[in-house]
Structure formats: C-alpha cells, structure tokens
C-alpha cells in the first residue's frame, strides 16, 4: 500500500511580482527516479 505524502510549495502562476506567488498545500512529494537521490533539509535565517 502506497501512502501519498503532500508538501507545501510556492507556485508561480504567471509572470509578475510577488502577487502571482501562491502557497499550495496539496503538492505531492517528488519521488526520485533511477540513479537519483532525494535530499531534504531545513532552511532557517538568523533573526
């Protein structure tokens, strides 16, 4: 049984400024193909 995992992503719907960016919560997590690896990380910026 395969469990589908979802992630959050910023999508660019058209050319333009920040107003064309949309936050989506229903984007499937990509699966690596042959001879590929999956890398995850956490980005943070100092306050």
PDB file of N, CA and C in Angstrom:
ATOM      1  N   UNK A   1       0.852  -1.176   0.000  1.00  0.00           N
ATOM      2  CA  UNK A   1       0.000   0.000   0.000  1.00  0.00           C
ATOM      3  C   UNK A   1       0.897   1.237   0.000  1.00  0.00           C
ATOM      4  N   UNK A   2       0.604   2.155  -0.881  1.00  0.00           N
ATOM      5  CA  UNK A   2       1.407   3.375  -1.004  1.00  0.00           C
ATOM      6  C   UNK A   2       0.666   4.540  -0.351  1.00  0.00           C
ATOM      7  N   UNK A   3       1.362   5.218   0.536  1.00  0.00           N
ATOM      8  CA  UNK A   3       0.776   6.378   1.195  1.00  0.00           C
ATOM      9  C   UNK A   3       1.278   7.618   0.463  1.00  0.00           C
ATOM     10  N   UNK A   4       0.360   8.415  -0.034  1.00  0.00           N
ATOM     11  CA  UNK A   4       0.742   9.621  -0.764  1.00  0.00           C
ATOM     12  C   UNK A   4       1.041  10.730   0.233  1.00  0.00           C
ATOM     13  N   UNK A   5       2.240  11.272   0.143  1.00  0.00           N
ATOM     14  CA  UNK A   5       2.634  12.372   1.018  1.00  0.00           C
ATOM     15  C   UNK A   5       2.517  13.681   0.264  1.00  0.00           C
ATOM     16  N   UNK A   6       2.078  14.689   0.958  1.00  0.00           N
ATOM     17  CA  UNK A   6       1.933  16.005   0.361  1.00  0.00           C
ATOM     18  C   UNK A   6       2.887  16.980   1.035  1.00  0.00           C
ATOM     19  N   UNK A   7       3.256  18.018   0.307  1.00  0.00           N
ATOM     20  CA  UNK A   7       4.130  19.045   0.865  1.00  0.00           C
ATOM     21  C   UNK A   7       3.583  20.415   0.506  1.00  0.00           C
ATOM     22  N   UNK A   8       4.106  21.419   1.166  1.00  0.00           N
ATOM     23  CA  UNK A   8       3.750  22.791   0.830  1.00  0.00           C
ATOM     24  C   UNK A   8       4.763  23.315  -0.177  1.00  0.00           C
ATOM     25  N   UNK A   9       4.291  24.138  -1.103  1.00  0.00           N
ATOM     26  CA  UNK A   9       5.185  24.694  -2.120  1.00  0.00           C
ATOM     27  C   UNK A   9       4.659  26.046  -2.569  1.00  0.00           C
ATOM     28  N   UNK A  10       5.571  26.893  -2.985  1.00  0.00           N
ATOM     29  CA  UNK A  10       5.196  28.172  -3.593  1.00  0.00           C
ATOM     30  C   UNK A  10       5.121  27.938  -5.089  1.00  0.00           C
ATOM     31  N   UNK A  11       3.991  28.261  -5.686  1.00  0.00           N
ATOM     32  CA  UNK A  11       3.812  28.102  -7.131  1.00  0.00           C
ATOM     33  C   UNK A  11       3.767  29.470  -7.793  1.00  0.00           C
ATOM     34  N   UNK A  12       4.398  29.572  -8.946  1.00  0.00           N
ATOM     35  CA  UNK A  12       4.363  30.791  -9.747  1.00  0.00           C
ATOM     36  C   UNK A  12       3.367  30.534 -10.865  1.00  0.00           C
ATOM     37  N   UNK A  13       2.267  31.286 -10.876  1.00  0.00           N
ATOM     38  CA  UNK A  13       1.200  31.024 -11.839  1.00  0.00           C
ATOM     39  C   UNK A  13       1.362  31.797 -13.145  1.00  0.00           C
ATOM     40  N   UNK A  14       2.129  32.872 -13.116  1.00  0.00           N
ATOM     41  CA  UNK A  14       2.330  33.702 -14.303  1.00  0.00           C
ATOM     42  C   UNK A  14       3.507  34.627 -14.033  1.00  0.00           C
ATOM     43  N   UNK A  15       3.936  35.370 -15.055  1.00  0.00           N
ATOM     44  CA  UNK A  15       4.997  36.350 -14.862  1.00  0.00           C
ATOM     45  C   UNK A  15       4.461  37.513 -14.050  1.00  0.00           C
ATOM     46  N   UNK A  16       5.306  38.068 -13.195  1.00  0.00           N
ATOM     47  CA  UNK A  16       4.891  39.214 -12.402  1.00  0.00           C
ATOM     48  C   UNK A  16       5.648  39.287 -11.100  1.00  0.00           C
ATOM     49  N   UNK A  17       5.135  40.085 -10.214  1.00  0.00           N
ATOM     50  CA  UNK A  17       5.756  40.306  -8.913  1.00  0.00           C
ATOM     51  C   UNK A  17       5.293  39.290  -7.894  1.00  0.00           C
ATOM     52  N   UNK A  18       5.492  39.625  -6.630  1.00  0.00           N
ATOM     53  CA  UNK A  18       5.125  38.707  -5.549  1.00  0.00           C
ATOM     54  C   UNK A  18       3.633  38.347  -5.506  1.00  0.00           C
ATOM     55  N   UNK A  19       2.799  39.145  -6.117  1.00  0.00           N
ATOM     56  CA  UNK A  19       1.356  38.872  -6.070  1.00  0.00           C
ATOM     57  C   UNK A  19       0.964  37.631  -6.867  1.00  0.00           C
ATOM     58  N   UNK A  20       1.825  37.154  -7.775  1.00  0.00           N
ATOM     59  CA  UNK A  20       1.487  35.966  -8.558  1.00  0.00           C
ATOM     60  C   UNK A  20       1.927  34.674  -7.868  1.00  0.00           C
ATOM     61  N   UNK A  21       2.610  34.776  -6.722  1.00  0.00           N
ATOM     62  CA  UNK A  21       3.033  33.598  -5.974  1.00  0.00           C
ATOM     63  C   UNK A  21       1.877  33.081  -5.138  1.00  0.00           C
ATOM     64  N   UNK A  22       1.658  31.776  -5.161  1.00  0.00           N
ATOM     65  CA  UNK A  22       0.593  31.183  -4.356  1.00  0.00           C
ATOM     66  C   UNK A  22       1.166  30.045  -3.523  1.00  0.00           C
ATOM     67  N   UNK A  23       0.748  29.961  -2.271  1.00  0.00           N
ATOM     68  CA  UNK A  23       1.162  28.874  -1.391  1.00  0.00           C
ATOM     69  C   UNK A  23       0.176  27.735  -1.559  1.00  0.00           C
ATOM     70  N   UNK A  24       0.693  26.571  -1.957  1.00  0.00           N
ATOM     71  CA  UNK A  24      -0.150  25.401  -2.162  1.00  0.00           C
ATOM     72  C   UNK A  24       0.218  24.346  -1.127  1.00  0.00           C
ATOM     73  N   UNK A  25      -0.769  23.681  -0.567  1.00  0.00           N
ATOM     74  CA  UNK A  25      -0.535  22.632   0.426  1.00  0.00           C
ATOM     75  C   UNK A  25      -0.824  21.244  -0.120  1.00  0.00           C
ATOM     76  N   UNK A  26      -1.159  21.160  -1.391  1.00  0.00           N
ATOM     77  CA  UNK A  26      -1.574  19.885  -1.975  1.00  0.00           C
ATOM     78  C   UNK A  26      -0.622  19.394  -3.065  1.00  0.00           C
ATOM     79  N   UNK A  27       0.661  19.699  -2.930  1.00  0.00           N
ATOM     80  CA  UNK A  27       1.654  19.308  -3.924  1.00  0.00           C
ATOM     81  C   UNK A  27       2.270  17.976  -3.495  1.00  0.00           C
ATOM     82  N   UNK A  28       2.254  16.967  -4.377  1.00  0.00           N
ATOM     83  CA  UNK A  28       2.841  15.677  -3.985  1.00  0.00           C
ATOM     84  C   UNK A  28       4.357  15.772  -3.836  1.00  0.00           C
ATOM     85  N   UNK A  29       4.887  15.036  -2.880  1.00  0.00           N
ATOM     86  CA  UNK A  29       6.332  14.981  -2.673  1.00  0.00           C
ATOM     87  C   UNK A  29       6.935  14.218  -3.849  1.00  0.00           C
ATOM     88  N   UNK A  30       7.920  14.800  -4.545  1.00  0.00           N
ATOM     89  CA  UNK A  30       8.508  14.093  -5.687  1.00  0.00           C
ATOM     90  C   UNK A  30       9.275  12.843  -5.252  1.00  0.00           C
ATOM     91  N   UNK A  31       9.200  11.820  -6.070  1.00  0.00           N
ATOM     92  CA  UNK A  31       9.907  10.575  -5.800  1.00  0.00           C
ATOM     93  C   UNK A  31      11.108  10.489  -6.728  1.00  0.00           C
ATOM     94  N   UNK A  32      12.283  10.123  -6.206  1.00  0.00           N
ATOM     95  CA  UNK A  32      13.467  10.022  -7.063  1.00  0.00           C
ATOM     96  C   UNK A  32      13.335   8.869  -8.059  1.00  0.00           C
ATOM     97  N   UNK A  33      13.881   9.074  -9.226  1.00  0.00           N
ATOM     98  CA  UNK A  33      13.905   8.037 -10.246  1.00  0.00           C
ATOM     99  C   UNK A  33      15.175   7.220 -10.132  1.00  0.00           C
ATOM    100  N   UNK A  34      15.413   6.371 -11.124  1.00  0.00           N
ATOM    101  CA  UNK A  34      16.637   5.573 -11.120  1.00  0.00           C
ATOM    102  C   UNK A  34      17.867   6.478 -11.141  1.00  0.00           C
ATOM    103  N   UNK A  35      18.859   6.131 -10.354  1.00  0.00           N
ATOM    104  CA  UNK A  35      20.129   6.864 -10.277  1.00  0.00           C
ATOM    105  C   UNK A  35      19.954   8.292  -9.759  1.00  0.00           C
ATOM    106  N   UNK A  36      18.901   8.545  -9.004  1.00  0.00           N
ATOM    107  CA  UNK A  36      18.662   9.847  -8.379  1.00  0.00           C
ATOM    108  C   UNK A  36      18.533   9.652  -6.871  1.00  0.00           C
ATOM    109  N   UNK A  37      18.765  10.715  -6.121  1.00  0.00           N
ATOM    110  CA  UNK A  37      18.605  10.660  -4.676  1.00  0.00           C
ATOM    111  C   UNK A  37      17.634  11.748  -4.236  1.00  0.00           C
ATOM    112  N   UNK A  38      17.034  11.553  -3.100  1.00  0.00           N
ATOM    113  CA  UNK A  38      16.134  12.533  -2.509  1.00  0.00           C
ATOM    114  C   UNK A  38      16.866  13.189  -1.341  1.00  0.00           C
ATOM    115  N   UNK A  39      16.832  14.512  -1.301  1.00  0.00           N
ATOM    116  CA  UNK A  39      17.509  15.243  -0.240  1.00  0.00           C
ATOM    117  C   UNK A  39      16.495  16.145   0.432  1.00  0.00           C
ATOM    118  N   UNK A  40      16.488  16.149   1.746  1.00  0.00           N
ATOM    119  CA  UNK A  40      15.602  17.042   2.473  1.00  0.00           C
ATOM    120  C   UNK A  40      16.434  17.880   3.424  1.00  0.00           C
ATOM    121  N   UNK A  41      15.918  19.020   3.763  1.00  0.00           N
ATOM    122  CA  UNK A  41      16.661  19.899   4.656  1.00  0.00           C
ATOM    123  C   UNK A  41      15.723  20.912   5.272  1.00  0.00           C
ATOM    124  N   UNK A  42      16.279  21.693   6.150  1.00  0.00           N
ATOM    125  CA  UNK A  42      15.519  22.737   6.819  1.00  0.00           C
ATOM    126  C   UNK A  42      16.286  24.024   6.672  1.00  0.00           C
ATOM    127  N   UNK A  43      15.667  25.005   6.071  1.00  0.00           N
ATOM    128  CA  UNK A  43      16.308  26.311   5.906  1.00  0.00           C
ATOM    129  C   UNK A  43      15.824  27.258   6.982  1.00  0.00           C
ATOM    130  N   UNK A  44      16.745  27.954   7.579  1.00  0.00           N
ATOM    131  CA  UNK A  44      16.360  28.983   8.548  1.00  0.00           C
ATOM    132  C   UNK A  44      17.301  30.157   8.391  1.00  0.00           C
ATOM    133  N   UNK A  45      16.809  31.293   8.695  1.00  0.00           N
ATOM    134  CA  UNK A  45      17.586  32.503   8.606  1.00  0.00           C
ATOM    135  C   UNK A  45      17.732  33.097  10.006  1.00  0.00           C
ATOM    136  N   UNK A  46      18.911  33.580  10.355  1.00  0.00           N
ATOM    137  CA  UNK A  46      19.068  34.163  11.684  1.00  0.00           C
ATOM    138  C   UNK A  46      18.198  35.396  11.856  1.00  0.00           C
ATOM    139  N   UNK A  47      17.712  35.582  13.044  1.00  0.00           N
ATOM    140  CA  UNK A  47      16.824  36.716  13.324  1.00  0.00           C
ATOM    141  C   UNK A  47      17.593  38.015  13.376  1.00  0.00           C
TER     142      UNK A  47
END
